[in-house]
PDB file of N, CA and C in Angstrom:
ATOM      1  N   UNK A   1       2.228  16.875  31.604  1.00  0.00           N
ATOM      2  CA  UNK A   1       2.566  16.238  30.344  1.00  0.00           C
ATOM      3  C   UNK A   1       1.318  15.572  29.763  1.00  0.00           C
ATOM      4  N   UNK A   2       1.249  15.502  28.450  1.00  0.00           N
ATOM      5  CA  UNK A   2       0.075  14.947  27.782  1.00  0.00           C
ATOM      6  C   UNK A   2      -0.012  13.440  28.003  1.00  0.00           C
ATOM      7  N   UNK A   3      -1.238  12.982  28.041  1.00  0.00           N
ATOM      8  CA  UNK A   3      -1.482  11.552  28.210  1.00  0.00           C
ATOM      9  C   UNK A   3      -1.143  10.822  26.910  1.00  0.00           C
ATOM     10  N   UNK A   4      -0.576   9.640  27.023  1.00  0.00           N
ATOM     11  CA  UNK A   4      -0.192   8.884  25.822  1.00  0.00           C
ATOM     12  C   UNK A   4      -1.397   8.508  24.976  1.00  0.00           C
ATOM     13  N   UNK A   5      -2.515   8.206  25.619  1.00  0.00           N
ATOM     14  CA  UNK A   5      -3.705   7.827  24.846  1.00  0.00           C
ATOM     15  C   UNK A   5      -4.212   9.003  24.016  1.00  0.00           C
ATOM     16  N   UNK A   6      -4.111  10.210  24.559  1.00  0.00           N
ATOM     17  CA  UNK A   6      -4.540  11.387  23.801  1.00  0.00           C
ATOM     18  C   UNK A   6      -3.581  11.671  22.653  1.00  0.00           C
ATOM     19  N   UNK A   7      -2.296  11.441  22.881  1.00  0.00           N
ATOM     20  CA  UNK A   7      -1.323  11.629  21.805  1.00  0.00           C
ATOM     21  C   UNK A   7      -1.559  10.621  20.680  1.00  0.00           C
ATOM     22  N   UNK A   8      -1.940   9.398  21.041  1.00  0.00           N
ATOM     23  CA  UNK A   8      -2.257   8.396  20.016  1.00  0.00           C
ATOM     24  C   UNK A   8      -3.479   8.823  19.214  1.00  0.00           C
ATOM     25  N   UNK A   9      -4.473   9.388  19.887  1.00  0.00           N
ATOM     26  CA  UNK A   9      -5.679   9.864  19.199  1.00  0.00           C
ATOM     27  C   UNK A   9      -5.341  10.993  18.233  1.00  0.00           C
ATOM     28  N   UNK A  10      -4.540  11.950  18.692  1.00  0.00           N
ATOM     29  CA  UNK A  10      -4.139  13.066  17.823  1.00  0.00           C
ATOM     30  C   UNK A  10      -3.325  12.546  16.640  1.00  0.00           C
ATOM     31  N   UNK A  11      -2.439  11.610  16.877  1.00  0.00           N
ATOM     32  CA  UNK A  11      -1.650  11.023  15.789  1.00  0.00           C
ATOM     33  C   UNK A  11      -2.530  10.300  14.792  1.00  0.00           C
ATOM     34  N   UNK A  12      -3.535   9.592  15.285  1.00  0.00           N
ATOM     35  CA  UNK A  12      -4.468   8.893  14.392  1.00  0.00           C
ATOM     36  C   UNK A  12      -5.253   9.879  13.539  1.00  0.00           C
ATOM     37  N   UNK A  13      -5.679  10.989  14.135  1.00  0.00           N
ATOM     38  CA  UNK A  13      -6.421  12.008  13.380  1.00  0.00           C
ATOM     39  C   UNK A  13      -5.534  12.601  12.291  1.00  0.00           C
ATOM     40  N   UNK A  14      -4.288  12.947  12.636  1.00  0.00           N
ATOM     41  CA  UNK A  14      -3.370  13.505  11.641  1.00  0.00           C
ATOM     42  C   UNK A  14      -3.075  12.494  10.533  1.00  0.00           C
ATOM     43  N   UNK A  15      -2.911  11.230  10.897  1.00  0.00           N
ATOM     44  CA  UNK A  15      -2.649  10.198   9.890  1.00  0.00           C
ATOM     45  C   UNK A  15      -3.836  10.034   8.953  1.00  0.00           C
ATOM     46  N   UNK A  16      -5.053  10.089   9.487  1.00  0.00           N
ATOM     47  CA  UNK A  16      -6.252   9.966   8.669  1.00  0.00           C
ATOM     48  C   UNK A  16      -6.386  11.136   7.699  1.00  0.00           C
ATOM     49  N   UNK A  17      -6.148  12.337   8.191  1.00  0.00           N
ATOM     50  CA  UNK A  17      -6.230  13.520   7.321  1.00  0.00           C
ATOM     51  C   UNK A  17      -5.158  13.446   6.244  1.00  0.00           C
ATOM     52  N   UNK A  18      -3.950  13.050   6.606  1.00  0.00           N
ATOM     53  CA  UNK A  18      -2.864  12.925   5.627  1.00  0.00           C
ATOM     54  C   UNK A  18      -3.211  11.903   4.556  1.00  0.00           C
ATOM     55  N   UNK A  19      -3.768  10.769   4.950  1.00  0.00           N
ATOM     56  CA  UNK A  19      -4.162   9.742   3.987  1.00  0.00           C
ATOM     57  C   UNK A  19      -5.235  10.255   3.033  1.00  0.00           C
ATOM     58  N   UNK A  20      -6.217  10.981   3.555  1.00  0.00           N
ATOM     59  CA  UNK A  20      -7.279  11.541   2.706  1.00  0.00           C
ATOM     60  C   UNK A  20      -6.707  12.531   1.695  1.00  0.00           C
ATOM     61  N   UNK A  21      -5.793  13.377   2.137  1.00  0.00           N
ATOM     62  CA  UNK A  21      -5.179  14.356   1.225  1.00  0.00           C
ATOM     63  C   UNK A  21      -4.366  13.639   0.150  1.00  0.00           C
ATOM     64  N   UNK A  22      -3.624  12.605   0.528  1.00  0.00           N
ATOM     65  CA  UNK A  22      -2.815  11.869  -0.449  1.00  0.00           C
ATOM     66  C   UNK A  22      -3.701  11.160  -1.476  1.00  0.00           C
ATOM     67  N   UNK A  23      -4.803  10.560  -1.026  1.00  0.00           N
ATOM     68  CA  UNK A  23      -5.707   9.883  -1.959  1.00  0.00           C
ATOM     69  C   UNK A  23      -6.367  10.878  -2.911  1.00  0.00           C
ATOM     70  N   UNK A  24      -6.789  12.021  -2.395  1.00  0.00           N
ATOM     71  CA  UNK A  24      -7.400  13.042  -3.246  1.00  0.00           C
ATOM     72  C   UNK A  24      -6.404  13.553  -4.270  1.00  0.00           C
ATOM     73  N   UNK A  25      -5.174  13.803  -3.844  1.00  0.00           N
ATOM     74  CA  UNK A  25      -4.137  14.270  -4.766  1.00  0.00           C
ATOM     75  C   UNK A  25      -3.867  13.228  -5.841  1.00  0.00           C
ATOM     76  N   UNK A  26      -3.800  11.966  -5.459  1.00  0.00           N
ATOM     77  CA  UNK A  26      -3.553  10.904  -6.435  1.00  0.00           C
ATOM     78  C   UNK A  26      -4.694  10.816  -7.448  1.00  0.00           C
ATOM     79  N   UNK A  27      -5.931  10.979  -6.995  1.00  0.00           N
ATOM     80  CA  UNK A  27      -7.071  10.918  -7.911  1.00  0.00           C
ATOM     81  C   UNK A  27      -7.063  12.090  -8.895  1.00  0.00           C
ATOM     82  N   UNK A  28      -6.698  13.280  -8.415  1.00  0.00           N
ATOM     83  CA  UNK A  28      -6.637  14.454  -9.296  1.00  0.00           C
ATOM     84  C   UNK A  28      -5.515  14.293 -10.312  1.00  0.00           C
ATOM     85  N   UNK A  29      -4.348  13.831  -9.876  1.00  0.00           N
ATOM     86  CA  UNK A  29      -3.222  13.631 -10.794  1.00  0.00           C
ATOM     87  C   UNK A  29      -3.579  12.572 -11.836  1.00  0.00           C
ATOM     88  N   UNK A  30      -4.234  11.500 -11.411  1.00  0.00           N
ATOM     89  CA  UNK A  30      -4.652  10.464 -12.358  1.00  0.00           C
ATOM     90  C   UNK A  30      -5.661  11.017 -13.351  1.00  0.00           C
ATOM     91  N   UNK A  31      -6.559  11.883 -12.893  1.00  0.00           N
ATOM     92  CA  UNK A  31      -7.526  12.516 -13.791  1.00  0.00           C
ATOM     93  C   UNK A  31      -6.846  13.372 -14.844  1.00  0.00           C
ATOM     94  N   UNK A  32      -5.837  14.128 -14.437  1.00  0.00           N
ATOM     95  CA  UNK A  32      -5.083  14.928 -15.405  1.00  0.00           C
ATOM     96  C   UNK A  32      -4.330  14.022 -16.379  1.00  0.00           C
ATOM     97  N   UNK A  33      -3.751  12.944 -15.878  1.00  0.00           N
ATOM     98  CA  UNK A  33      -2.980  12.038 -16.728  1.00  0.00           C
ATOM     99  C   UNK A  33      -3.882  11.335 -17.739  1.00  0.00           C
ATOM    100  N   UNK A  34      -5.099  11.011 -17.345  1.00  0.00           N
ATOM    101  CA  UNK A  34      -6.037  10.337 -18.243  1.00  0.00           C
ATOM    102  C   UNK A  34      -6.721  11.303 -19.201  1.00  0.00           C
ATOM    103  N   UNK A  35      -6.517  12.592 -19.014  1.00  0.00           N
ATOM    104  CA  UNK A  35      -7.116  13.586 -19.900  1.00  0.00           C
ATOM    105  C   UNK A  35      -8.509  14.001 -19.473  1.00  0.00           C
ATOM    106  N   UNK A  36      -8.907  13.642 -18.278  1.00  0.00           N
ATOM    107  CA  UNK A  36     -10.228  14.018 -17.781  1.00  0.00           C
ATOM    108  C   UNK A  36     -10.325  15.496 -17.491  1.00  0.00           C
ATOM    109  N   UNK A  37      -9.226  16.082 -17.084  1.00  0.00           N
ATOM    110  CA  UNK A  37      -9.167  17.510 -16.796  1.00  0.00           C
ATOM    111  C   UNK A  37      -8.164  18.146 -17.746  1.00  0.00           C
ATOM    112  N   UNK A  38      -8.394  19.387 -18.085  1.00  0.00           N
ATOM    113  CA  UNK A  38      -7.426  20.111 -18.909  1.00  0.00           C
ATOM    114  C   UNK A  38      -7.117  21.446 -18.256  1.00  0.00           C
ATOM    115  N   UNK A  39      -5.891  21.894 -18.425  1.00  0.00           N
ATOM    116  CA  UNK A  39      -5.489  23.177 -17.874  1.00  0.00           C
ATOM    117  C   UNK A  39      -5.861  24.332 -18.798  1.00  0.00           C
ATOM    118  N   UNK A  40      -6.045  24.028 -20.082  1.00  0.00           N
ATOM    119  CA  UNK A  40      -6.367  25.075 -21.038  1.00  0.00           C
ATOM    120  C   UNK A  40      -7.854  25.390 -20.968  1.00  0.00           C
ATOM    121  N   UNK A  41      -8.168  26.641 -21.132  1.00  0.00           N
ATOM    122  CA  UNK A  41      -9.565  27.071 -21.160  1.00  0.00           C
ATOM    123  C   UNK A  41     -10.071  27.009 -22.591  1.00  0.00           C
ATOM    124  N   UNK A  42     -11.217  26.363 -22.797  1.00  0.00           N
ATOM    125  CA  UNK A  42     -11.760  26.240 -24.144  1.00  0.00           C
ATOM    126  C   UNK A  42     -12.663  27.428 -24.498  1.00  0.00           C
ATOM    127  N   UNK A  43     -13.089  28.170 -23.498  1.00  0.00           N
ATOM    128  CA  UNK A  43     -13.952  29.318 -23.782  1.00  0.00           C
ATOM    129  C   UNK A  43     -13.105  30.568 -23.924  1.00  0.00           C
ATOM    130  N   UNK A  44     -13.536  31.460 -24.802  1.00  0.00           N
ATOM    131  CA  UNK A  44     -12.816  32.723 -24.986  1.00  0.00           C
ATOM    132  C   UNK A  44     -13.728  33.876 -24.609  1.00  0.00           C
ATOM    133  N   UNK A  45     -13.152  34.825 -23.898  1.00  0.00           N
ATOM    134  CA  UNK A  45     -13.895  35.989 -23.493  1.00  0.00           C
ATOM    135  C   UNK A  45     -13.624  37.104 -24.481  1.00  0.00           C
ATOM    136  N   UNK A  46     -14.681  37.634 -25.049  1.00  0.00           N
ATOM    137  CA  UNK A  46     -14.494  38.712 -26.049  1.00  0.00           C
ATOM    138  C   UNK A  46     -15.236  39.939 -25.650  1.00  0.00           C
TER     139      UNK A  46
END
């Protein structure tokens, strides 16, 4: 069976990665809401 200390380490790593993903997602959503990013392409290919 796995050692409890190793399970705590793995849980901490997963929690850290999850927090980073959530913060990045929040920053991107805020950028879209503030108008910093647009989904429409302004350039046209002819």
